[in-house]
């Protein structure tokens, strides 16, 4: 039996606007109300997911932030099939799965209900955030992308912008970020490489895109058991403005101050407070160490 989770605040209100029609489609195709969970507030999706039985087929109406809540709600021994109905602002997860951006969500719901799809298993990224001057470690997972520095600050501004989605939203947030942003200093160590000094951003990709279509990690694959990392050294505003448009098609990786690598485990040692985003969900903190690793073949998803 399919269980449904709906996040009405996704997509800058897009889901809320479509909610009556979504419910009508679900009910007319045999989904009963007791199988539908409409999220009342942030954090409730995590709790709801953690209570679901193993092998649940979970249809989720929302965006990347909603799918992020799903993976962060999973118990360590829990197995589900995530069936996304992507109605968010960026939809990077759906893009990574190969969904056409104009896919008719009514057709998608009916396809899922009638089991007209195959599946595959994808990886999940995981962060262990060691709080400075504390023994506490915060554990956070991500599906498609994680950003530290500039793009995380952009994501923070993007959450405050109400009326735009996708790349346009990202570009508006970039303009706001440029006025206040400063490079940050870190040390990075992995099994394959190391780097230190001032950085503009660190983008970690389980998928290729971030921010609704920017190909920050253009070689990343969501099911290859490896995480990709793109590191931008410290830059001034004119350099950022010159390089950033190239990230739309991934050609920024050929710039002198950009390096790319792959890893399965990595440690970051910050020298100051950092902005971090996981699938666009922003956290701000001062950490003594950030550990990042991959959990291979963790989540079952559809192939369209």
Foldseek 3Di string as FASTA:
>chain_A
DAAEEEECPFALRQSVVCVVVVVVLCVVLPNDPVRYHYDPDPPVLLCVLLPDAAAHEYEYEHAQVSVQSNVNSHDPPHAYEYEYLHNHQQRQVCVLLPHDPPDDSSVSVNCVSVVVFDKFFFKKKKKWFAAPPDNDTDIGIFQWKKKKALQLQLLVQLVVDRDHGAPVSSVVSNVVSLVPGFWFWKWKDAPPDIDTDTFRMKMKGCGQDARRAQRQPVVHHGAPQKIKIKTAGGDHPVVCVVLVVVRNVDPSCPDPRIDMDMHFKMKMATPDWMWMDGSSRIDIHHGRMMIMGMDHRRHMYTRD
